[in-house]
Amino acid sequence: SIAHRGLSSSGSSQEPPEPPKCPQEAAPGEELAWGEEPVP
């Protein structure tokens, strides 16, 4: 229900290919999304 649907009026969902990882769940060495700071 909170996924971004884009501006499509046809009702088709235009979701991003892969949502960013939940930061507290990221494994050591995984890339962080959108400027997240690394967890020591």
PDB file of all heavy atoms in Angstrom:
ATOM      1  N   SER A   1       0.815  -1.219   0.000  1.00  0.00           N
ATOM      2  CA  SER A   1       0.000   0.000   0.000  1.00  0.00           C
ATOM      3  C   SER A   1       0.851   1.272   0.000  1.00  0.00           C
ATOM      4  O   SER A   1       0.369   2.322  -0.389  1.00  0.00           O
ATOM      5  CB  SER A   1      -0.969   0.008   1.194  1.00  0.00           C
ATOM      6  OG  SER A   1      -0.282   0.279   2.398  1.00  0.00           O
ATOM      7  N   ILE A   2       2.119   1.169   0.427  1.00  0.00           N
ATOM      8  CA  ILE A   2       2.957   2.373   0.429  1.00  0.00           C
ATOM      9  C   ILE A   2       3.956   2.378  -0.719  1.00  0.00           C
ATOM     10  O   ILE A   2       4.706   3.331  -0.884  1.00  0.00           O
ATOM     11  CB  ILE A   2       3.698   2.564   1.775  1.00  0.00           C
ATOM     12  CG1 ILE A   2       4.631   1.401   2.061  1.00  0.00           C
ATOM     13  CG2 ILE A   2       2.704   2.813   2.895  1.00  0.00           C
ATOM     14  CD1 ILE A   2       5.508   1.611   3.277  1.00  0.00           C
ATOM     15  N   ALA A   3       3.964   1.303  -1.535  1.00  0.00           N
ATOM     16  CA  ALA A   3       4.883   1.244  -2.668  1.00  0.00           C
ATOM     17  C   ALA A   3       4.554   2.363  -3.646  1.00  0.00           C
ATOM     18  O   ALA A   3       3.387   2.664  -3.888  1.00  0.00           O
ATOM     19  CB  ALA A   3       4.782  -0.115  -3.349  1.00  0.00           C
ATOM     20  N   HIS A   4       5.584   2.963  -4.208  1.00  0.00           N
ATOM     21  CA  HIS A   4       5.392   4.056  -5.156  1.00  0.00           C
ATOM     22  C   HIS A   4       4.813   3.506  -6.441  1.00  0.00           C
ATOM     23  O   HIS A   4       5.355   2.586  -7.038  1.00  0.00           O
ATOM     24  CB  HIS A   4       6.731   4.758  -5.416  1.00  0.00           C
ATOM     25  CG  HIS A   4       6.579   6.010  -6.224  1.00  0.00           C
ATOM     26  ND1 HIS A   4       5.655   6.974  -5.916  1.00  0.00           N
ATOM     27  CD2 HIS A   4       7.233   6.443  -7.324  1.00  0.00           C
ATOM     28  CE1 HIS A   4       5.755   7.962  -6.802  1.00  0.00           C
ATOM     29  NE2 HIS A   4       6.700   7.663  -7.659  1.00  0.00           N
ATOM     30  N   ARG A   5       3.705   4.074  -6.881  1.00  0.00           N
ATOM     31  CA  ARG A   5       3.011   3.590  -8.066  1.00  0.00           C
ATOM     32  C   ARG A   5       3.348   4.401  -9.314  1.00  0.00           C
ATOM     33  O   ARG A   5       2.851   4.132 -10.373  1.00  0.00           O
ATOM     34  CB  ARG A   5       1.501   3.637  -7.855  1.00  0.00           C
ATOM     35  CG  ARG A   5       1.037   2.854  -6.667  1.00  0.00           C
ATOM     36  CD  ARG A   5       0.653   1.460  -7.067  1.00  0.00           C
ATOM     37  NE  ARG A   5       0.100   0.720  -5.964  1.00  0.00           N
ATOM     38  CZ  ARG A   5       0.806  -0.081  -5.184  1.00  0.00           C
ATOM     39  NH1 ARG A   5       2.078  -0.219  -5.344  1.00  0.00           N
ATOM     40  NH2 ARG A   5       0.222  -0.754  -4.217  1.00  0.00           N
ATOM     41  N   GLY A   6       4.151   5.431  -9.180  1.00  0.00           N
ATOM     42  CA  GLY A   6       4.467   6.262 -10.346  1.00  0.00           C
ATOM     43  C   GLY A   6       3.279   7.129 -10.707  1.00  0.00           C
ATOM     44  O   GLY A   6       2.321   7.241  -9.967  1.00  0.00           O
ATOM     45  N   LEU A   7       3.317   7.741 -11.873  1.00  0.00           N
ATOM     46  CA  LEU A   7       2.253   8.641 -12.297  1.00  0.00           C
ATOM     47  C   LEU A   7       1.313   7.956 -13.275  1.00  0.00           C
ATOM     48  O   LEU A   7       0.519   8.602 -13.934  1.00  0.00           O
ATOM     49  CB  LEU A   7       2.863   9.904 -12.942  1.00  0.00           C
ATOM     50  CG  LEU A   7       3.791  10.691 -12.016  1.00  0.00           C
ATOM     51  CD1 LEU A   7       4.447  11.833 -12.760  1.00  0.00           C
ATOM     52  CD2 LEU A   7       3.025  11.211 -10.815  1.00  0.00           C
ATOM     53  N   SER A   8       1.402   6.661 -13.408  1.00  0.00           N
ATOM     54  CA  SER A   8       0.579   5.921 -14.355  1.00  0.00           C
ATOM     55  C   SER A   8      -0.879   5.959 -13.920  1.00  0.00           C
ATOM     56  O   SER A   8      -1.216   5.634 -12.794  1.00  0.00           O
ATOM     57  CB  SER A   8       1.059   4.472 -14.406  1.00  0.00           C
ATOM     58  OG  SER A   8       0.158   3.699 -15.140  1.00  0.00           O
ATOM     59  N   SER A   9      -1.759   6.349 -14.834  1.00  0.00           N
ATOM     60  CA  SER A   9      -3.184   6.387 -14.500  1.00  0.00           C
ATOM     61  C   SER A   9      -3.852   5.073 -14.883  1.00  0.00           C
ATOM     62  O   SER A   9      -5.015   4.873 -14.603  1.00  0.00           O
ATOM     63  CB  SER A   9      -3.864   7.553 -15.213  1.00  0.00           C
ATOM     64  OG  SER A   9      -3.679   7.417 -16.615  1.00  0.00           O
ATOM     65  N   SER A  10      -3.132   4.166 -15.551  1.00  0.00           N
ATOM     66  CA  SER A  10      -3.716   2.889 -15.962  1.00  0.00           C
ATOM     67  C   SER A  10      -3.838   1.933 -14.775  1.00  0.00           C
ATOM     68  O   SER A  10      -4.426   0.874 -14.907  1.00  0.00           O
ATOM     69  CB  SER A  10      -2.850   2.238 -17.047  1.00  0.00           C
ATOM     70  OG  SER A  10      -1.581   1.922 -16.515  1.00  0.00           O
ATOM     71  N   GLY A  11      -3.267   2.300 -13.642  1.00  0.00           N
ATOM     72  CA  GLY A  11      -3.350   1.463 -12.451  1.00  0.00           C
ATOM     73  C   GLY A  11      -2.245   0.428 -12.391  1.00  0.00           C
ATOM     74  O   GLY A  11      -2.154  -0.311 -11.441  1.00  0.00           O
ATOM     75  N   SER A  12      -1.398   0.387 -13.421  1.00  0.00           N
ATOM     76  CA  SER A  12      -0.304  -0.583 -13.363  1.00  0.00           C
ATOM     77  C   SER A  12       0.786  -0.056 -12.456  1.00  0.00           C
ATOM     78  O   SER A  12       1.085   1.126 -12.445  1.00  0.00           O
ATOM     79  CB  SER A  12       0.258  -0.850 -14.763  1.00  0.00           C
ATOM     80  OG  SER A  12       0.884   0.313 -15.256  1.00  0.00           O
ATOM     81  N   SER A  13       1.346  -0.949 -11.715  1.00  0.00           N
ATOM     82  CA  SER A  13       2.353  -0.570 -10.727  1.00  0.00           C
ATOM     83  C   SER A  13       3.712  -0.397 -11.384  1.00  0.00           C
ATOM     84  O   SER A  13       4.136  -1.228 -12.165  1.00  0.00           O
ATOM     85  CB  SER A  13       2.400  -1.656  -9.660  1.00  0.00           C
ATOM     86  OG  SER A  13       3.539  -1.524  -8.880  1.00  0.00           O
ATOM     87  N   GLN A  14       4.394   0.695 -11.081  1.00  0.00           N
ATOM     88  CA  GLN A  14       5.742   0.925 -11.577  1.00  0.00           C
ATOM     89  C   GLN A  14       6.668   0.990 -10.383  1.00  0.00           C
ATOM     90  O   GLN A  14       6.982   2.049  -9.881  1.00  0.00           O
ATOM     91  CB  GLN A  14       5.816   2.245 -12.357  1.00  0.00           C
ATOM     92  CG  GLN A  14       4.949   2.259 -13.596  1.00  0.00           C
ATOM     93  CD  GLN A  14       4.982   3.609 -14.261  1.00  0.00           C
ATOM     94  OE1 GLN A  14       5.575   4.559 -13.765  1.00  0.00           O
ATOM     95  NE2 GLN A  14       4.335   3.713 -15.396  1.00  0.00           N
ATOM     96  N   GLU A  15       7.071  -0.161  -9.900  1.00  0.00           N
ATOM     97  CA  GLU A  15       7.868  -0.230  -8.688  1.00  0.00           C
ATOM     98  C   GLU A  15       9.344  -0.180  -9.017  1.00  0.00           C
ATOM     99  O   GLU A  15       9.756  -0.625 -10.081  1.00  0.00           O
ATOM    100  CB  GLU A  15       7.553  -1.521  -7.938  1.00  0.00           C
ATOM    101  CG  GLU A  15       6.060  -1.690  -7.755  1.00  0.00           C
ATOM    102  CD  GLU A  15       5.692  -2.319  -6.446  1.00  0.00           C
ATOM    103  OE1 GLU A  15       6.576  -2.546  -5.616  1.00  0.00           O
ATOM    104  OE2 GLU A  15       4.509  -2.581  -6.260  1.00  0.00           O
ATOM    105  N   PRO A  16      10.165   0.318  -8.108  1.00  0.00           N
ATOM    106  CA  PRO A  16      11.601   0.294  -8.336  1.00  0.00           C
ATOM    107  C   PRO A  16      12.070  -1.153  -8.417  1.00  0.00           C
ATOM    108  O   PRO A  16      11.477  -2.038  -7.805  1.00  0.00           O
ATOM    109  CB  PRO A  16      12.193   1.006  -7.116  1.00  0.00           C
ATOM    110  CG  PRO A  16      11.117   1.000  -6.097  1.00  0.00           C
ATOM    111  CD  PRO A  16       9.822   0.896  -6.827  1.00  0.00           C
ATOM    112  N   PRO A  17      13.138  -1.420  -9.172  1.00  0.00           N
ATOM    113  CA  PRO A  17      13.581  -2.795  -9.364  1.00  0.00           C
ATOM    114  C   PRO A  17      13.892  -3.529  -8.059  1.00  0.00           C
ATOM    115  O   PRO A  17      13.469  -4.647  -7.871  1.00  0.00           O
ATOM    116  CB  PRO A  17      14.840  -2.665 -10.220  1.00  0.00           C
ATOM    117  CG  PRO A  17      15.180  -1.216 -10.251  1.00  0.00           C
ATOM    118  CD  PRO A  17      13.975  -0.450  -9.818  1.00  0.00           C
ATOM    119  N   GLU A  18      14.617  -2.931  -7.162  1.00  0.00           N
ATOM    120  CA  GLU A  18      14.997  -3.584  -5.906  1.00  0.00           C
ATOM    121  C   GLU A  18      14.945  -2.547  -4.800  1.00  0.00           C
ATOM    122  O   GLU A  18      15.690  -1.581  -4.820  1.00  0.00           O
ATOM    123  CB  GLU A  18      16.416  -4.141  -6.031  1.00  0.00           C
ATOM    124  CG  GLU A  18      17.000  -4.686  -4.750  1.00  0.00           C
ATOM    125  CD  GLU A  18      16.611  -6.122  -4.480  1.00  0.00           C
ATOM    126  OE1 GLU A  18      16.231  -6.821  -5.425  1.00  0.00           O
ATOM    127  OE2 GLU A  18      16.678  -6.533  -3.324  1.00  0.00           O
ATOM    128  N   PRO A  19      14.040  -2.689  -3.795  1.00  0.00           N
ATOM    129  CA  PRO A  19      14.015  -1.692  -2.726  1.00  0.00           C
ATOM    130  C   PRO A  19      15.298  -1.761  -1.912  1.00  0.00           C
ATOM    131  O   PRO A  19      15.914  -2.820  -1.804  1.00  0.00           O
ATOM    132  CB  PRO A  19      12.799  -2.093  -1.886  1.00  0.00           C
ATOM    133  CG  PRO A  19      12.537  -3.510  -2.213  1.00  0.00           C
ATOM    134  CD  PRO A  19      13.083  -3.754  -3.596  1.00  0.00           C
ATOM    135  N   PRO A  20      15.699  -0.632  -1.342  1.00  0.00           N
ATOM    136  CA  PRO A  20      16.919  -0.636  -0.525  1.00  0.00           C
ATOM    137  C   PRO A  20      16.737  -1.509   0.698  1.00  0.00           C
ATOM    138  O   PRO A  20      15.627  -1.699   1.176  1.00  0.00           O
ATOM    139  CB  PRO A  20      17.087   0.838  -0.136  1.00  0.00           C
ATOM    140  CG  PRO A  20      15.747   1.446  -0.324  1.00  0.00           C
ATOM    141  CD  PRO A  20      15.044   0.647  -1.385  1.00  0.00           C
ATOM    142  N   LYS A  21      17.823  -2.028   1.196  1.00  0.00           N
ATOM    143  CA  LYS A  21      17.795  -2.897   2.372  1.00  0.00           C
ATOM    144  C   LYS A  21      17.425  -2.092   3.614  1.00  0.00           C
ATOM    145  O   LYS A  21      17.721  -0.924   3.722  1.00  0.00           O
ATOM    146  CB  LYS A  21      19.183  -3.517   2.598  1.00  0.00           C
ATOM    147  CG  LYS A  21      19.616  -4.354   1.411  1.00  0.00           C
ATOM    148  CD  LYS A  21      19.832  -5.768   1.852  1.00  0.00           C
ATOM    149  CE  LYS A  21      20.303  -6.632   0.732  1.00  0.00           C
ATOM    150  NZ  LYS A  21      19.265  -7.345   0.039  1.00  0.00           N
ATOM    151  N   CYS A  22      16.776  -2.739   4.533  1.00  0.00           N
ATOM    152  CA  CYS A  22      16.472  -2.159   5.834  1.00  0.00           C
ATOM    153  C   CYS A  22      17.824  -2.017   6.541  1.00  0.00           C
ATOM    154  O   CYS A  22      18.487  -3.027   6.777  1.00  0.00           O
ATOM    155  CB  CYS A  22      15.544  -3.105   6.585  1.00  0.00           C
ATOM    156  SG  CYS A  22      14.770  -2.430   8.030  1.00  0.00           S
ATOM    157  N   PRO A  23      18.301  -0.801   6.862  1.00  0.00           N
ATOM    158  CA  PRO A  23      19.676  -0.629   7.347  1.00  0.00           C
ATOM    159  C   PRO A  23      20.054  -1.500   8.523  1.00  0.00           C
ATOM    160  O   PRO A  23      21.151  -2.025   8.548  1.00  0.00           O
ATOM    161  CB  PRO A  23      19.748   0.844   7.729  1.00  0.00           C
ATOM    162  CG  PRO A  23      18.631   1.495   7.034  1.00  0.00           C
ATOM    163  CD  PRO A  23      17.576   0.438   6.808  1.00  0.00           C
ATOM    164  N   GLN A  24      19.161  -1.680   9.500  1.00  0.00           N
ATOM    165  CA  GLN A  24      19.572  -2.465  10.653  1.00  0.00           C
ATOM    166  C   GLN A  24      19.686  -3.939  10.307  1.00  0.00           C
ATOM    167  O   GLN A  24      20.195  -4.714  11.086  1.00  0.00           O
ATOM    168  CB  GLN A  24      18.649  -2.251  11.859  1.00  0.00           C
ATOM    169  CG  GLN A  24      17.238  -2.765  11.679  1.00  0.00           C
ATOM    170  CD  GLN A  24      16.284  -1.685  11.256  1.00  0.00           C
ATOM    171  OE1 GLN A  24      16.615  -0.811  10.492  1.00  0.00           O
ATOM    172  NE2 GLN A  24      15.062  -1.736  11.751  1.00  0.00           N
ATOM    173  N   GLU A  25      19.234  -4.344   9.103  1.00  0.00           N
ATOM    174  CA  GLU A  25      19.306  -5.733   8.686  1.00  0.00           C
ATOM    175  C   GLU A  25      20.481  -5.987   7.741  1.00  0.00           C
ATOM    176  O   GLU A  25      20.755  -7.115   7.394  1.00  0.00           O
ATOM    177  CB  GLU A  25      18.003  -6.129   7.961  1.00  0.00           C
ATOM    178  CG  GLU A  25      16.759  -5.948   8.802  1.00  0.00           C
ATOM    179  CD  GLU A  25      16.595  -7.016   9.849  1.00  0.00           C
ATOM    180  OE1 GLU A  25      17.225  -8.065   9.735  1.00  0.00           O
ATOM    181  OE2 GLU A  25      15.822  -6.799  10.781  1.00  0.00           O
ATOM    182  N   ALA A  26      21.150  -4.924   7.247  1.00  0.00           N
ATOM    183  CA  ALA A  26      22.209  -5.094   6.254  1.00  0.00           C
ATOM    184  C   ALA A  26      23.373  -5.887   6.845  1.00  0.00           C
ATOM    185  O   ALA A  26      23.793  -5.653   7.965  1.00  0.00           O
ATOM    186  CB  ALA A  26      22.696  -3.736   5.774  1.00  0.00           C
ATOM    187  N   ALA A  27      23.867  -6.813   6.047  1.00  0.00           N
ATOM    188  CA  ALA A  27      25.009  -7.611   6.481  1.00  0.00           C
ATOM    189  C   ALA A  27      26.280  -6.797   6.324  1.00  0.00           C
ATOM    190  O   ALA A  27      26.337  -5.892   5.490  1.00  0.00           O
ATOM    191  CB  ALA A  27      25.092  -8.886   5.655  1.00  0.00           C
ATOM    192  N   PRO A  28      27.319  -7.071   7.116  1.00  0.00           N
ATOM    193  CA  PRO A  28      28.571  -6.334   6.976  1.00  0.00           C
ATOM    194  C   PRO A  28      29.088  -6.440   5.547  1.00  0.00           C
ATOM    195  O   PRO A  28      29.047  -7.503   4.953  1.00  0.00           O
ATOM    196  CB  PRO A  28      29.521  -7.040   7.941  1.00  0.00           C
ATOM    197  CG  PRO A  28      28.631  -7.760   8.905  1.00  0.00           C
ATOM    198  CD  PRO A  28      27.370  -8.075   8.161  1.00  0.00           C
ATOM    199  N   GLY A  29      29.496  -5.304   4.993  1.00  0.00           N
ATOM    200  CA  GLY A  29      30.045  -5.278   3.652  1.00  0.00           C
ATOM    201  C   GLY A  29      29.004  -5.037   2.572  1.00  0.00           C
ATOM    202  O   GLY A  29      29.339  -4.765   1.441  1.00  0.00           O
ATOM    203  N   GLU A  30      27.692  -5.126   2.908  1.00  0.00           N
ATOM    204  CA  GLU A  30      26.670  -4.843   1.903  1.00  0.00           C
ATOM    205  C   GLU A  30      26.637  -3.355   1.633  1.00  0.00           C
ATOM    206  O   GLU A  30      26.884  -2.538   2.513  1.00  0.00           O
ATOM    207  CB  GLU A  30      25.278  -5.271   2.401  1.00  0.00           C
ATOM    208  CG  GLU A  30      25.043  -6.746   2.314  1.00  0.00           C
ATOM    209  CD  GLU A  30      23.585  -7.090   2.640  1.00  0.00           C
ATOM    210  OE1 GLU A  30      22.711  -6.203   2.537  1.00  0.00           O
ATOM    211  OE2 GLU A  30      23.339  -8.244   2.990  1.00  0.00           O
ATOM    212  N   GLU A  31      26.282  -3.010   0.392  1.00  0.00           N
ATOM    213  CA  GLU A  31      26.192  -1.590   0.049  1.00  0.00           C
ATOM    214  C   GLU A  31      24.982  -0.987   0.730  1.00  0.00           C
ATOM    215  O   GLU A  31      23.952  -1.626   0.874  1.00  0.00           O
ATOM    216  CB  GLU A  31      26.047  -1.434  -1.465  1.00  0.00           C
ATOM    217  CG  GLU A  31      27.345  -1.636  -2.191  1.00  0.00           C
ATOM    218  CD  GLU A  31      27.227  -1.229  -3.648  1.00  0.00           C
ATOM    219  OE1 GLU A  31      26.487  -0.285  -3.952  1.00  0.00           O
ATOM    220  OE2 GLU A  31      27.884  -1.868  -4.460  1.00  0.00           O
ATOM    221  N   LEU A  32      25.113   0.260   1.133  1.00  0.00           N
ATOM    222  CA  LEU A  32      24.006   0.964   1.758  1.00  0.00           C
ATOM    223  C   LEU A  32      23.321   1.815   0.699  1.00  0.00           C
ATOM    224  O   LEU A  32      23.942   2.225  -0.272  1.00  0.00           O
ATOM    225  CB  LEU A  32      24.520   1.853   2.894  1.00  0.00           C
ATOM    226  CG  LEU A  32      25.190   1.085   4.037  1.00  0.00           C
ATOM    227  CD1 LEU A  32      25.826   2.056   5.009  1.00  0.00           C
ATOM    228  CD2 LEU A  32      24.196   0.210   4.751  1.00  0.00           C
ATOM    229  N   ALA A  33      22.046   2.064   0.898  1.00  0.00           N
ATOM    230  CA  ALA A  33      21.281   2.821  -0.083  1.00  0.00           C
ATOM    231  C   ALA A  33      21.170   4.281   0.304  1.00  0.00           C
ATOM    232  O   ALA A  33      21.280   4.646   1.466  1.00  0.00           O
ATOM    233  CB  ALA A  33      19.885   2.220  -0.194  1.00  0.00           C
ATOM    234  N   TRP A  34      20.955   5.124  -0.660  1.00  0.00           N
ATOM    235  CA  TRP A  34      20.721   6.562  -0.582  1.00  0.00           C
ATOM    236  C   TRP A  34      21.413   7.260   0.578  1.00  0.00           C
ATOM    237  O   TRP A  34      20.785   7.831   1.430  1.00  0.00           O
ATOM    238  CB  TRP A  34      19.237   6.954  -0.600  1.00  0.00           C
ATOM    239  CG  TRP A  34      18.230   5.881  -0.386  1.00  0.00           C
ATOM    240  CD1 TRP A  34      17.651   5.125  -1.346  1.00  0.00           C
ATOM    241  CD2 TRP A  34      17.696   5.404   0.848  1.00  0.00           C
ATOM    242  NE1 TRP A  34      16.822   4.214  -0.800  1.00  0.00           N
ATOM    243  CE2 TRP A  34      16.813   4.370   0.545  1.00  0.00           C
ATOM    244  CE3 TRP A  34      17.875   5.728   2.172  1.00  0.00           C
ATOM    245  CZ2 TRP A  34      16.110   3.681   1.516  1.00  0.00           C
ATOM    246  CZ3 TRP A  34      17.176   5.046   3.121  1.00  0.00           C
ATOM    247  CH2 TRP A  34      16.307   4.045   2.786  1.00  0.00           C
ATOM    248  N   GLY A  35      22.715   7.192   0.583  1.00  0.00           N
ATOM    249  CA  GLY A  35      23.516   7.980   1.525  1.00  0.00           C
ATOM    250  C   GLY A  35      23.458   7.531   2.967  1.00  0.00           C
ATOM    251  O   GLY A  35      23.754   8.301   3.870  1.00  0.00           O
ATOM    252  N   GLU A  36      23.083   6.289   3.213  1.00  0.00           N
ATOM    253  CA  GLU A  36      23.058   5.815   4.592  1.00  0.00           C
ATOM    254  C   GLU A  36      24.485   5.733   5.120  1.00  0.00           C
ATOM    255  O   GLU A  36      25.417   5.474   4.378  1.00  0.00           O
ATOM    256  CB  GLU A  36      22.443   4.421   4.658  1.00  0.00           C
ATOM    257  CG  GLU A  36      20.995   4.404   4.292  1.00  0.00           C
ATOM    258  CD  GLU A  36      20.464   2.989   4.227  1.00  0.00           C
ATOM    259  OE1 GLU A  36      21.234   2.035   4.271  1.00  0.00           O
ATOM    260  OE2 GLU A  36      19.258   2.867   4.106  1.00  0.00           O
ATOM    261  N   GLU A  37      24.606   5.969   6.384  1.00  0.00           N
ATOM    262  CA  GLU A  37      25.920   5.875   6.995  1.00  0.00           C
ATOM    263  C   GLU A  37      26.175   4.435   7.397  1.00  0.00           C
ATOM    264  O   GLU A  37      25.276   3.737   7.844  1.00  0.00           O
ATOM    265  CB  GLU A  37      25.991   6.793   8.215  1.00  0.00           C
ATOM    266  CG  GLU A  37      25.838   8.236   7.818  1.00  0.00           C
ATOM    267  CD  GLU A  37      26.270   9.179   8.908  1.00  0.00           C
ATOM    268  OE1 GLU A  37      26.996   8.760   9.831  1.00  0.00           O
ATOM    269  OE2 GLU A  37      25.892  10.339   8.819  1.00  0.00           O
ATOM    270  N   PRO A  38      27.404   3.979   7.245  1.00  0.00           N
ATOM    271  CA  PRO A  38      27.691   2.595   7.619  1.00  0.00           C
ATOM    272  C   PRO A  38      27.564   2.379   9.124  1.00  0.00           C
ATOM    273  O   PRO A  38      27.832   3.282   9.910  1.00  0.00           O
ATOM    274  CB  PRO A  38      29.138   2.389   7.174  1.00  0.00           C
ATOM    275  CG  PRO A  38      29.709   3.754   7.027  1.00  0.00           C
ATOM    276  CD  PRO A  38      28.555   4.688   6.750  1.00  0.00           C
ATOM    277  N   VAL A  39      27.132   1.205   9.473  1.00  0.00           N
ATOM    278  CA  VAL A  39      27.015   0.836  10.886  1.00  0.00           C
ATOM    279  C   VAL A  39      28.329   0.176  11.277  1.00  0.00           C
ATOM    280  O   VAL A  39      28.777  -0.750  10.625  1.00  0.00           O
ATOM    281  CB  VAL A  39      25.861  -0.167  11.086  1.00  0.00           C
ATOM    282  CG1 VAL A  39      25.766  -0.593  12.526  1.00  0.00           C
ATOM    283  CG2 VAL A  39      24.563   0.432  10.607  1.00  0.00           C
ATOM    284  N   PRO A  40      28.991   0.677  12.337  1.00  0.00           N
ATOM    285  CA  PRO A  40      30.250   0.046  12.730  1.00  0.00           C
ATOM    286  C   PRO A  40      30.017  -1.408  13.138  1.00  0.00           C
ATOM    287  O   PRO A  40      29.114  -1.705  13.894  1.00  0.00           O
ATOM    288  CB  PRO A  40      30.736   0.873  13.921  1.00  0.00           C
ATOM    289  CG  PRO A  40      29.651   1.825  14.241  1.00  0.00           C
ATOM    290  CD  PRO A  40      28.602   1.757  13.187  1.00  0.00           C
TER     291      PRO A  40
END
